[in-house]
Amino acid sequence: MKESELEKLCLTYVNTYCTLACWKVKAGGQRHTFGGKEFFKKSSMPGFPDIMLLYNGKFIGVELKVAKGRQSLVQKECQLKIENAGGLYYICRSFEEFKFIIESIL
């Protein structure tokens, strides 16, 4: 399964069955040409979790990884900031794992 497919399943589940406030951080952006070179400017902060949830005043960040996917250094730094601020941070590798985490929060 691709990460984009896992993400779609997770977002559908949250938006259909849960009473959580949910945001998806888009990694897209705009292309710009400067001096003959093309650059891609992202529209989000690097390292933010793929899915952000809010439940009972608690911030929950969920990073989706499939197969052998690993966190980047900037993602690890963002995880530390979230946890140090009192938020929760999870890395999910399957839809079943995501459902288990959400059900344990609710």
PDB file of N, CA and C in Angstrom:
ATOM      1  N   MET A   1       0.839  -1.185   0.000  1.00  0.00           N
ATOM      2  CA  MET A   1       0.000   0.000   0.000  1.00  0.00           C
ATOM      3  C   MET A   1       0.879   1.242   0.000  1.00  0.00           C
ATOM      4  N   LYS A   2       0.487   2.230  -0.769  1.00  0.00           N
ATOM      5  CA  LYS A   2       1.200   3.506  -0.805  1.00  0.00           C
ATOM      6  C   LYS A   2       0.790   4.361   0.386  1.00  0.00           C
ATOM      7  N   GLU A   3       1.675   5.285   0.738  1.00  0.00           N
ATOM      8  CA  GLU A   3       1.379   6.197   1.845  1.00  0.00           C
ATOM      9  C   GLU A   3       0.139   7.038   1.548  1.00  0.00           C
ATOM     10  N   SER A   4      -0.040   7.442   0.303  1.00  0.00           N
ATOM     11  CA  SER A   4      -1.207   8.245  -0.068  1.00  0.00           C
ATOM     12  C   SER A   4      -2.505   7.450   0.106  1.00  0.00           C
ATOM     13  N   GLU A   5      -2.461   6.141  -0.154  1.00  0.00           N
ATOM     14  CA  GLU A   5      -3.639   5.294   0.035  1.00  0.00           C
ATOM     15  C   GLU A   5      -3.956   5.129   1.522  1.00  0.00           C
ATOM     16  N   LEU A   6      -2.914   4.946   2.330  1.00  0.00           N
ATOM     17  CA  LEU A   6      -3.089   4.843   3.776  1.00  0.00           C
ATOM     18  C   LEU A   6      -3.682   6.141   4.320  1.00  0.00           C
ATOM     19  N   GLU A   7      -3.171   7.250   3.849  1.00  0.00           N
ATOM     20  CA  GLU A   7      -3.660   8.556   4.288  1.00  0.00           C
ATOM     21  C   GLU A   7      -5.146   8.721   3.970  1.00  0.00           C
ATOM     22  N   LYS A   8      -5.553   8.339   2.791  1.00  0.00           N
ATOM     23  CA  LYS A   8      -6.952   8.462   2.396  1.00  0.00           C
ATOM     24  C   LYS A   8      -7.847   7.621   3.303  1.00  0.00           C
ATOM     25  N   LEU A   9      -7.438   6.391   3.594  1.00  0.00           N
ATOM     26  CA  LEU A   9      -8.203   5.529   4.499  1.00  0.00           C
ATOM     27  C   LEU A   9      -8.332   6.159   5.886  1.00  0.00           C
ATOM     28  N   CYS A  10      -7.227   6.672   6.410  1.00  0.00           N
ATOM     29  CA  CYS A  10      -7.210   7.252   7.752  1.00  0.00           C
ATOM     30  C   CYS A  10      -8.092   8.490   7.836  1.00  0.00           C
ATOM     31  N   LEU A  11      -7.992   9.370   6.851  1.00  0.00           N
ATOM     32  CA  LEU A  11      -8.803  10.587   6.854  1.00  0.00           C
ATOM     33  C   LEU A  11     -10.283  10.273   6.694  1.00  0.00           C
ATOM     34  N   THR A  12     -10.615   9.303   5.849  1.00  0.00           N
ATOM     35  CA  THR A  12     -12.008   8.896   5.681  1.00  0.00           C
ATOM     36  C   THR A  12     -12.555   8.356   6.995  1.00  0.00           C
ATOM     37  N   TYR A  13     -11.772   7.544   7.675  1.00  0.00           N
ATOM     38  CA  TYR A  13     -12.192   6.975   8.956  1.00  0.00           C
ATOM     39  C   TYR A  13     -12.457   8.071   9.989  1.00  0.00           C
ATOM     40  N   VAL A  14     -11.524   8.973  10.131  1.00  0.00           N
ATOM     41  CA  VAL A  14     -11.670  10.047  11.128  1.00  0.00           C
ATOM     42  C   VAL A  14     -12.875  10.925  10.800  1.00  0.00           C
ATOM     43  N   ASN A  15     -13.020  11.295   9.561  1.00  0.00           N
ATOM     44  CA  ASN A  15     -14.109  12.203   9.180  1.00  0.00           C
ATOM     45  C   ASN A  15     -15.481  11.532   9.193  1.00  0.00           C
ATOM     46  N   THR A  16     -15.524  10.212   9.104  1.00  0.00           N
ATOM     47  CA  THR A  16     -16.793   9.488   9.070  1.00  0.00           C
ATOM     48  C   THR A  16     -17.239   9.019  10.444  1.00  0.00           C
ATOM     49  N   TYR A  17     -16.303   8.523  11.251  1.00  0.00           N
ATOM     50  CA  TYR A  17     -16.676   7.820  12.475  1.00  0.00           C
ATOM     51  C   TYR A  17     -16.287   8.506  13.780  1.00  0.00           C
ATOM     52  N   CYS A  18     -15.501   9.535  13.727  1.00  0.00           N
ATOM     53  CA  CYS A  18     -14.961  10.108  14.971  1.00  0.00           C
ATOM     54  C   CYS A  18     -15.441  11.535  15.196  1.00  0.00           C
ATOM     55  N   THR A  19     -15.327  11.956  16.440  1.00  0.00           N
ATOM     56  CA  THR A  19     -15.693  13.322  16.817  1.00  0.00           C
ATOM     57  C   THR A  19     -14.431  14.137  17.102  1.00  0.00           C
ATOM     58  N   LEU A  20     -13.469  14.014  16.228  1.00  0.00           N
ATOM     59  CA  LEU A  20     -12.198  14.726  16.374  1.00  0.00           C
ATOM     60  C   LEU A  20     -12.128  15.863  15.366  1.00  0.00           C
ATOM     61  N   ALA A  21     -11.512  16.959  15.747  1.00  0.00           N
ATOM     62  CA  ALA A  21     -11.166  17.992  14.777  1.00  0.00           C
ATOM     63  C   ALA A  21      -9.923  17.486  14.054  1.00  0.00           C
ATOM     64  N   CYS A  22      -9.934  17.510  12.734  1.00  0.00           N
ATOM     65  CA  CYS A  22      -8.852  16.889  11.956  1.00  0.00           C
ATOM     66  C   CYS A  22      -8.371  17.832  10.867  1.00  0.00           C
ATOM     67  N   TRP A  23      -7.048  17.903  10.698  1.00  0.00           N
ATOM     68  CA  TRP A  23      -6.427  18.684   9.627  1.00  0.00           C
ATOM     69  C   TRP A  23      -5.417  17.819   8.906  1.00  0.00           C
ATOM     70  N   LYS A  24      -5.334  18.030   7.624  1.00  0.00           N
ATOM     71  CA  LYS A  24      -4.326  17.372   6.801  1.00  0.00           C
ATOM     72  C   LYS A  24      -3.342  18.433   6.368  1.00  0.00           C
ATOM     73  N   VAL A  25      -2.070  18.182   6.607  1.00  0.00           N
ATOM     74  CA  VAL A  25      -1.034  19.114   6.189  1.00  0.00           C
ATOM     75  C   VAL A  25      -0.662  18.787   4.753  1.00  0.00           C
ATOM     76  N   LYS A  26      -0.925  19.726   3.868  1.00  0.00           N
ATOM     77  CA  LYS A  26      -0.585  19.498   2.464  1.00  0.00           C
ATOM     78  C   LYS A  26       0.894  19.775   2.245  1.00  0.00           C
ATOM     79  N   ALA A  27       1.528  18.882   1.524  1.00  0.00           N
ATOM     80  CA  ALA A  27       2.946  19.051   1.227  1.00  0.00           C
ATOM     81  C   ALA A  27       3.138  19.715  -0.132  1.00  0.00           C
ATOM     82  N   GLY A  28       2.048  20.049  -0.774  1.00  0.00           N
ATOM     83  CA  GLY A  28       2.131  20.672  -2.089  1.00  0.00           C
ATOM     84  C   GLY A  28       2.629  22.094  -2.026  1.00  0.00           C
ATOM     85  N   GLY A  29       2.782  22.679  -3.153  1.00  0.00           N
ATOM     86  CA  GLY A  29       3.256  24.049  -3.182  1.00  0.00           C
ATOM     87  C   GLY A  29       3.169  24.623  -4.572  1.00  0.00           C
ATOM     88  N   GLN A  30       4.008  25.591  -4.856  1.00  0.00           N
ATOM     89  CA  GLN A  30       3.996  26.255  -6.148  1.00  0.00           C
ATOM     90  C   GLN A  30       5.381  26.193  -6.767  1.00  0.00           C
ATOM     91  N   ARG A  31       5.383  26.116  -8.083  1.00  0.00           N
ATOM     92  CA  ARG A  31       6.650  26.135  -8.812  1.00  0.00           C
ATOM     93  C   ARG A  31       6.985  27.576  -9.196  1.00  0.00           C
ATOM     94  N   HIS A  32       8.238  27.920  -9.058  1.00  0.00           N
ATOM     95  CA  HIS A  32       8.716  29.249  -9.403  1.00  0.00           C
ATOM     96  C   HIS A  32       9.963  29.112 -10.270  1.00  0.00           C
ATOM     97  N   THR A  33      10.108  30.013 -11.230  1.00  0.00           N
ATOM     98  CA  THR A  33      11.314  30.036 -12.043  1.00  0.00           C
ATOM     99  C   THR A  33      12.114  31.275 -11.666  1.00  0.00           C
ATOM    100  N   PHE A  34      13.401  31.067 -11.400  1.00  0.00           N
ATOM    101  CA  PHE A  34      14.275  32.164 -11.013  1.00  0.00           C
ATOM    102  C   PHE A  34      15.630  31.938 -11.662  1.00  0.00           C
ATOM    103  N   GLY A  35      16.053  32.857 -12.458  1.00  0.00           N
ATOM    104  CA  GLY A  35      17.359  32.754 -13.099  1.00  0.00           C
ATOM    105  C   GLY A  35      17.510  31.517 -13.976  1.00  0.00           C
ATOM    106  N   GLY A  36      16.414  31.109 -14.605  1.00  0.00           N
ATOM    107  CA  GLY A  36      16.472  29.942 -15.488  1.00  0.00           C
ATOM    108  C   GLY A  36      16.322  28.614 -14.767  1.00  0.00           C
ATOM    109  N   LYS A  37      16.292  28.629 -13.435  1.00  0.00           N
ATOM    110  CA  LYS A  37      16.126  27.396 -12.673  1.00  0.00           C
ATOM    111  C   LYS A  37      14.741  27.374 -12.060  1.00  0.00           C
ATOM    112  N   GLU A  38      14.194  26.178 -11.970  1.00  0.00           N
ATOM    113  CA  GLU A  38      12.863  26.028 -11.402  1.00  0.00           C
ATOM    114  C   GLU A  38      12.972  25.561  -9.956  1.00  0.00           C
ATOM    115  N   PHE A  39      12.221  26.200  -9.094  1.00  0.00           N
ATOM    116  CA  PHE A  39      12.200  25.856  -7.679  1.00  0.00           C
ATOM    117  C   PHE A  39      10.787  25.475  -7.280  1.00  0.00           C
ATOM    118  N   PHE A  40      10.674  24.629  -6.264  1.00  0.00           N
ATOM    119  CA  PHE A  40       9.374  24.217  -5.747  1.00  0.00           C
ATOM    120  C   PHE A  40       9.269  24.689  -4.318  1.00  0.00           C
ATOM    121  N   LYS A  41       8.330  25.597  -4.061  1.00  0.00           N
ATOM    122  CA  LYS A  41       8.146  26.146  -2.725  1.00  0.00           C
ATOM    123  C   LYS A  41       6.983  25.435  -2.049  1.00  0.00           C
ATOM    124  N   LYS A  42       7.271  24.760  -0.950  1.00  0.00           N
ATOM    125  CA  LYS A  42       6.219  24.048  -0.231  1.00  0.00           C
ATOM    126  C   LYS A  42       5.337  25.020   0.519  1.00  0.00           C
ATOM    127  N   SER A  43       4.082  24.593   0.706  1.00  0.00           N
ATOM    128  CA  SER A  43       3.117  25.467   1.366  1.00  0.00           C
ATOM    129  C   SER A  43       2.951  25.129   2.843  1.00  0.00           C
ATOM    130  N   SER A  44       3.729  24.214   3.362  1.00  0.00           N
ATOM    131  CA  SER A  44       3.620  23.869   4.775  1.00  0.00           C
ATOM    132  C   SER A  44       4.993  23.872   5.428  1.00  0.00           C
ATOM    133  N   MET A  45       4.972  23.812   6.737  1.00  0.00           N
ATOM    134  CA  MET A  45       6.229  23.777   7.478  1.00  0.00           C
ATOM    135  C   MET A  45       6.840  22.382   7.359  1.00  0.00           C
ATOM    136  N   PRO A  46       8.122  22.272   7.125  1.00  0.00           N
ATOM    137  CA  PRO A  46       8.759  20.966   7.047  1.00  0.00           C
ATOM    138  C   PRO A  46       8.689  20.234   8.382  1.00  0.00           C
ATOM    139  N   GLY A  47       8.430  18.944   8.320  1.00  0.00           N
ATOM    140  CA  GLY A  47       8.444  18.119   9.512  1.00  0.00           C
ATOM    141  C   GLY A  47       7.108  17.937  10.190  1.00  0.00           C
ATOM    142  N   PHE A  48       6.108  18.738   9.827  1.00  0.00           N
ATOM    143  CA  PHE A  48       4.793  18.599  10.452  1.00  0.00           C
ATOM    144  C   PHE A  48       4.241  17.207  10.174  1.00  0.00           C
ATOM    145  N   PRO A  49       3.493  16.628  11.127  1.00  0.00           N
ATOM    146  CA  PRO A  49       2.893  15.308  10.892  1.00  0.00           C
ATOM    147  C   PRO A  49       1.872  15.365   9.755  1.00  0.00           C
ATOM    148  N   ASP A  50       1.638  14.219   9.131  1.00  0.00           N
ATOM    149  CA  ASP A  50       0.708  14.162   8.005  1.00  0.00           C
ATOM    150  C   ASP A  50      -0.714  14.518   8.403  1.00  0.00           C
ATOM    151  N   ILE A  51      -1.131  14.059   9.565  1.00  0.00           N
ATOM    152  CA  ILE A  51      -2.485  14.321  10.049  1.00  0.00           C
ATOM    153  C   ILE A  51      -2.374  14.928  11.444  1.00  0.00           C
ATOM    154  N   MET A  52      -3.137  16.003  11.670  1.00  0.00           N
ATOM    155  CA  MET A  52      -3.165  16.635  12.991  1.00  0.00           C
ATOM    156  C   MET A  52      -4.588  16.587  13.508  1.00  0.00           C
ATOM    157  N   LEU A  53      -4.739  16.177  14.761  1.00  0.00           N
ATOM    158  CA  LEU A  53      -6.045  16.020  15.377  1.00  0.00           C
ATOM    159  C   LEU A  53      -6.112  16.822  16.663  1.00  0.00           C
ATOM    160  N   LEU A  54      -7.303  17.205  17.043  1.00  0.00           N
ATOM    161  CA  LEU A  54      -7.520  17.875  18.306  1.00  0.00           C
ATOM    162  C   LEU A  54      -8.686  17.183  18.994  1.00  0.00           C
ATOM    163  N   TYR A  55      -8.456  16.723  20.219  1.00  0.00           N
ATOM    164  CA  TYR A  55      -9.495  16.032  20.975  1.00  0.00           C
ATOM    165  C   TYR A  55      -9.385  16.406  22.444  1.00  0.00           C
ATOM    166  N   ASN A  56     -10.472  16.925  22.998  1.00  0.00           N
ATOM    167  CA  ASN A  56     -10.491  17.361  24.403  1.00  0.00           C
ATOM    168  C   ASN A  56      -9.315  18.271  24.742  1.00  0.00           C
ATOM    169  N   GLY A  57      -8.996  19.178  23.852  1.00  0.00           N
ATOM    170  CA  GLY A  57      -7.918  20.129  24.084  1.00  0.00           C
ATOM    171  C   GLY A  57      -6.521  19.555  23.917  1.00  0.00           C
ATOM    172  N   LYS A  58      -6.407  18.331  23.444  1.00  0.00           N
ATOM    173  CA  LYS A  58      -5.107  17.665  23.291  1.00  0.00           C
ATOM    174  C   LYS A  58      -4.735  17.603  21.812  1.00  0.00           C
ATOM    175  N   PHE A  59      -3.521  18.049  21.481  1.00  0.00           N
ATOM    176  CA  PHE A  59      -3.014  17.971  20.114  1.00  0.00           C
ATOM    177  C   PHE A  59      -2.450  16.582  19.871  1.00  0.00           C
ATOM    178  N   ILE A  60      -2.806  15.995  18.730  1.00  0.00           N
ATOM    179  CA  ILE A  60      -2.328  14.661  18.353  1.00  0.00           C
ATOM    180  C   ILE A  60      -1.789  14.742  16.931  1.00  0.00           C
ATOM    181  N   GLY A  61      -0.514  14.434  16.769  1.00  0.00           N
ATOM    182  CA  GLY A  61       0.102  14.405  15.453  1.00  0.00           C
ATOM    183  C   GLY A  61       0.313  12.965  15.018  1.00  0.00           C
ATOM    184  N   VAL A  62      -0.040  12.668  13.772  1.00  0.00           N
ATOM    185  CA  VAL A  62       0.122  11.315  13.238  1.00  0.00           C
ATOM    186  C   VAL A  62       0.941  11.389  11.963  1.00  0.00           C
ATOM    187  N   GLU A  63       2.089  10.747  11.985  1.00  0.00           N
ATOM    188  CA  GLU A  63       2.954  10.640  10.812  1.00  0.00           C
ATOM    189  C   GLU A  63       2.717   9.266  10.204  1.00  0.00           C
ATOM    190  N   LEU A  64       2.419   9.236   8.912  1.00  0.00           N
ATOM    191  CA  LEU A  64       2.156   7.976   8.227  1.00  0.00           C
ATOM    192  C   LEU A  64       3.403   7.521   7.487  1.00  0.00           C
ATOM    193  N   LYS A  65       3.773   6.292   7.730  1.00  0.00           N
ATOM    194  CA  LYS A  65       4.909   5.679   7.048  1.00  0.00           C
ATOM    195  C   LYS A  65       4.511   4.268   6.657  1.00  0.00           C
ATOM    196  N   VAL A  66       4.890   3.840   5.491  1.00  0.00           N
ATOM    197  CA  VAL A  66       4.607   2.472   5.072  1.00  0.00           C
ATOM    198  C   VAL A  66       5.911   1.735   4.817  1.00  0.00           C
ATOM    199  N   ALA A  67       5.807   0.413   4.852  1.00  0.00           N
ATOM    200  CA  ALA A  67       6.955  -0.469   4.603  1.00  0.00           C
ATOM    201  C   ALA A  67       8.166  -0.027   5.431  1.00  0.00           C
ATOM    202  N   LYS A  68       9.217   0.386   4.741  1.00  0.00           N
ATOM    203  CA  LYS A  68      10.464   0.731   5.427  1.00  0.00           C
ATOM    204  C   LYS A  68      10.655   2.238   5.564  1.00  0.00           C
ATOM    205  N   GLY A  69       9.582   3.002   5.434  1.00  0.00           N
ATOM    206  CA  GLY A  69       9.677   4.457   5.548  1.00  0.00           C
ATOM    207  C   GLY A  69      10.219   4.872   6.908  1.00  0.00           C
ATOM    208  N   ARG A  70      11.058   5.894   6.918  1.00  0.00           N
ATOM    209  CA  ARG A  70      11.667   6.382   8.162  1.00  0.00           C
ATOM    210  C   ARG A  70      11.454   7.876   8.288  1.00  0.00           C
ATOM    211  N   GLN A  71      11.429   8.333   9.519  1.00  0.00           N
ATOM    212  CA  GLN A  71      11.317   9.760   9.788  1.00  0.00           C
ATOM    213  C   GLN A  71      12.585  10.478   9.357  1.00  0.00           C
ATOM    214  N   SER A  72      12.403  11.663   8.816  1.00  0.00           N
ATOM    215  CA  SER A  72      13.552  12.507   8.521  1.00  0.00           C
ATOM    216  C   SER A  72      13.982  13.187   9.819  1.00  0.00           C
ATOM    217  N   LEU A  73      15.141  13.786   9.795  1.00  0.00           N
ATOM    218  CA  LEU A  73      15.644  14.508  10.962  1.00  0.00           C
ATOM    219  C   LEU A  73      14.681  15.624  11.363  1.00  0.00           C
ATOM    220  N   VAL A  74      14.168  16.360  10.397  1.00  0.00           N
ATOM    221  CA  VAL A  74      13.262  17.465  10.704  1.00  0.00           C
ATOM    222  C   VAL A  74      11.938  16.939  11.281  1.00  0.00           C
ATOM    223  N   GLN A  75      11.498  15.757  10.861  1.00  0.00           N
ATOM    224  CA  GLN A  75      10.292  15.153  11.440  1.00  0.00           C
ATOM    225  C   GLN A  75      10.535  14.741  12.891  1.00  0.00           C
ATOM    226  N   LYS A  76      11.717  14.225  13.177  1.00  0.00           N
ATOM    227  CA  LYS A  76      12.060  13.862  14.556  1.00  0.00           C
ATOM    228  C   LYS A  76      12.106  15.100  15.452  1.00  0.00           C
ATOM    229  N   GLU A  77      12.639  16.192  14.931  1.00  0.00           N
ATOM    230  CA  GLU A  77      12.688  17.445  15.691  1.00  0.00           C
ATOM    231  C   GLU A  77      11.277  17.967  15.960  1.00  0.00           C
ATOM    232  N   CYS A  78      10.402  17.867  14.977  1.00  0.00           N
ATOM    233  CA  CYS A  78       9.014  18.298  15.149  1.00  0.00           C
ATOM    234  C   CYS A  78       8.313  17.416  16.182  1.00  0.00           C
ATOM    235  N   GLN A  79       8.580  16.125  16.165  1.00  0.00           N
ATOM    236  CA  GLN A  79       8.008  15.208  17.153  1.00  0.00           C
ATOM    237  C   GLN A  79       8.405  15.637  18.559  1.00  0.00           C
ATOM    238  N   LEU A  80       9.678  15.951  18.757  1.00  0.00           N
ATOM    239  CA  LEU A  80      10.146  16.395  20.076  1.00  0.00           C
ATOM    240  C   LEU A  80       9.447  17.674  20.524  1.00  0.00           C
ATOM    241  N   LYS A  81       9.271  18.616  19.619  1.00  0.00           N
ATOM    242  CA  LYS A  81       8.594  19.877  19.956  1.00  0.00           C
ATOM    243  C   LYS A  81       7.150  19.616  20.375  1.00  0.00           C
ATOM    244  N   ILE A  82       6.465  18.751  19.639  1.00  0.00           N
ATOM    245  CA  ILE A  82       5.072  18.428  19.966  1.00  0.00           C
ATOM    246  C   ILE A  82       4.990  17.760  21.328  1.00  0.00           C
ATOM    247  N   GLU A  83       5.835  16.770  21.567  1.00  0.00           N
ATOM    248  CA  GLU A  83       5.810  16.037  22.834  1.00  0.00           C
ATOM    249  C   GLU A  83       6.233  16.933  24.003  1.00  0.00           C
ATOM    250  N   ASN A  84       7.229  17.790  23.805  1.00  0.00           N
ATOM    251  CA  ASN A  84       7.661  18.705  24.867  1.00  0.00           C
ATOM    252  C   ASN A  84       6.587  19.738  25.213  1.00  0.00           C
ATOM    253  N   ALA A  85       5.703  20.015  24.252  1.00  0.00           N
ATOM    254  CA  ALA A  85       4.616  20.961  24.488  1.00  0.00           C
ATOM    255  C   ALA A  85       3.378  20.271  25.075  1.00  0.00           C
ATOM    256  N   GLY A  86       3.476  18.957  25.313  1.00  0.00           N
ATOM    257  CA  GLY A  86       2.366  18.226  25.918  1.00  0.00           C
ATOM    258  C   GLY A  86       1.461  17.516  24.929  1.00  0.00           C
ATOM    259  N   GLY A  87       1.798  17.563  23.655  1.00  0.00           N
ATOM    260  CA  GLY A  87       0.997  16.878  22.640  1.00  0.00           C
ATOM    261  C   GLY A  87       1.390  15.417  22.510  1.00  0.00           C
ATOM    262  N   LEU A  88       0.606  14.700  21.747  1.00  0.00           N
ATOM    263  CA  LEU A  88       0.884  13.294  21.465  1.00  0.00           C
ATOM    264  C   LEU A  88       1.344  13.166  20.021  1.00  0.00           C
ATOM    265  N   TYR A  89       2.229  12.215  19.759  1.00  0.00           N
ATOM    266  CA  TYR A  89       2.760  12.018  18.420  1.00  0.00           C
ATOM    267  C   TYR A  89       2.864  10.524  18.157  1.00  0.00           C
ATOM    268  N   TYR A  90       2.335  10.092  17.023  1.00  0.00           N
ATOM    269  CA  TYR A  90       2.364   8.681  16.669  1.00  0.00           C
ATOM    270  C   TYR A  90       2.892   8.504  15.254  1.00  0.00           C
ATOM    271  N   ILE A  91       3.546   7.383  15.036  1.00  0.00           N
ATOM    272  CA  ILE A  91       3.934   6.969  13.693  1.00  0.00           C
ATOM    273  C   ILE A  91       3.104   5.731  13.385  1.00  0.00           C
ATOM    274  N   CYS A  92       2.322   5.785  12.316  1.00  0.00           N
ATOM    275  CA  CYS A  92       1.444   4.674  11.946  1.00  0.00           C
ATOM    276  C   CYS A  92       1.913   4.066  10.638  1.00  0.00           C
ATOM    277  N   ARG A  93       1.930   2.741  10.598  1.00  0.00           N
ATOM    278  CA  ARG A  93       2.354   2.020   9.404  1.00  0.00           C
ATOM    279  C   ARG A  93       1.230   1.223   8.747  1.00  0.00           C
ATOM    280  N   SER A  94       0.033   1.244   9.351  1.00  0.00           N
ATOM    281  CA  SER A  94      -1.094   0.525   8.756  1.00  0.00           C
ATOM    282  C   SER A  94      -2.392   1.179   9.204  1.00  0.00           C
ATOM    283  N   PHE A  95      -3.459   0.884   8.477  1.00  0.00           N
ATOM    284  CA  PHE A  95      -4.762   1.411   8.833  1.00  0.00           C
ATOM    285  C   PHE A  95      -5.228   0.843  10.168  1.00  0.00           C
ATOM    286  N   GLU A  96      -4.953  -0.426  10.407  1.00  0.00           N
ATOM    287  CA  GLU A  96      -5.338  -1.068  11.661  1.00  0.00           C
ATOM    288  C   GLU A  96      -4.655  -0.393  12.849  1.00  0.00           C
ATOM    289  N   GLU A  97      -3.388  -0.062  12.682  1.00  0.00           N
ATOM    290  CA  GLU A  97      -2.650   0.633  13.743  1.00  0.00           C
ATOM    291  C   GLU A  97      -3.256   2.020  13.992  1.00  0.00           C
ATOM    292  N   PHE A  98      -3.621   2.728  12.929  1.00  0.00           N
ATOM    293  CA  PHE A  98      -4.241   4.039  13.059  1.00  0.00           C
ATOM    294  C   PHE A  98      -5.562   3.926  13.822  1.00  0.00           C
ATOM    295  N   LYS A  99      -6.403   2.968  13.431  1.00  0.00           N
ATOM    296  CA  LYS A  99      -7.688   2.771  14.114  1.00  0.00           C
ATOM    297  C   LYS A  99      -7.487   2.469  15.595  1.00  0.00           C
ATOM    298  N   PHE A 100      -6.512   1.631  15.915  1.00  0.00           N
ATOM    299  CA  PHE A 100      -6.232   1.280  17.310  1.00  0.00           C
ATOM    300  C   PHE A 100      -5.852   2.528  18.114  1.00  0.00           C
ATOM    301  N   ILE A 101      -5.013   3.361  17.555  1.00  0.00           N
ATOM    302  CA  ILE A 101      -4.572   4.590  18.226  1.00  0.00           C
ATOM    303  C   ILE A 101      -5.766   5.519  18.455  1.00  0.00           C
ATOM    304  N   ILE A 102      -6.566   5.730  17.429  1.00  0.00           N
ATOM    305  CA  ILE A 102      -7.726   6.618  17.541  1.00  0.00           C
ATOM    306  C   ILE A 102      -8.710   6.075  18.581  1.00  0.00           C
ATOM    307  N   GLU A 103      -8.987   4.782  18.535  1.00  0.00           N
ATOM    308  CA  GLU A 103      -9.933   4.194  19.483  1.00  0.00           C
ATOM    309  C   GLU A 103      -9.404   4.268  20.925  1.00  0.00           C
ATOM    310  N   SER A 104      -8.090   4.192  21.099  1.00  0.00           N
ATOM    311  CA  SER A 104      -7.528   4.294  22.453  1.00  0.00           C
ATOM    312  C   SER A 104      -7.605   5.731  22.971  1.00  0.00           C
ATOM    313  N   ILE A 105      -7.593   6.711  22.077  1.00  0.00           N
ATOM    314  CA  ILE A 105      -7.711   8.116  22.461  1.00  0.00           C
ATOM    315  C   ILE A 105      -9.150   8.440  22.848  1.00  0.00           C
ATOM    316  N   LEU A 106     -10.088   7.907  22.087  1.00  0.00           N
ATOM    317  CA  LEU A 106     -11.501   8.168  22.346  1.00  0.00           C
ATOM    318  C   LEU A 106     -11.950   7.390  23.546  1.00  0.00           C
TER     319      LEU A 106
END
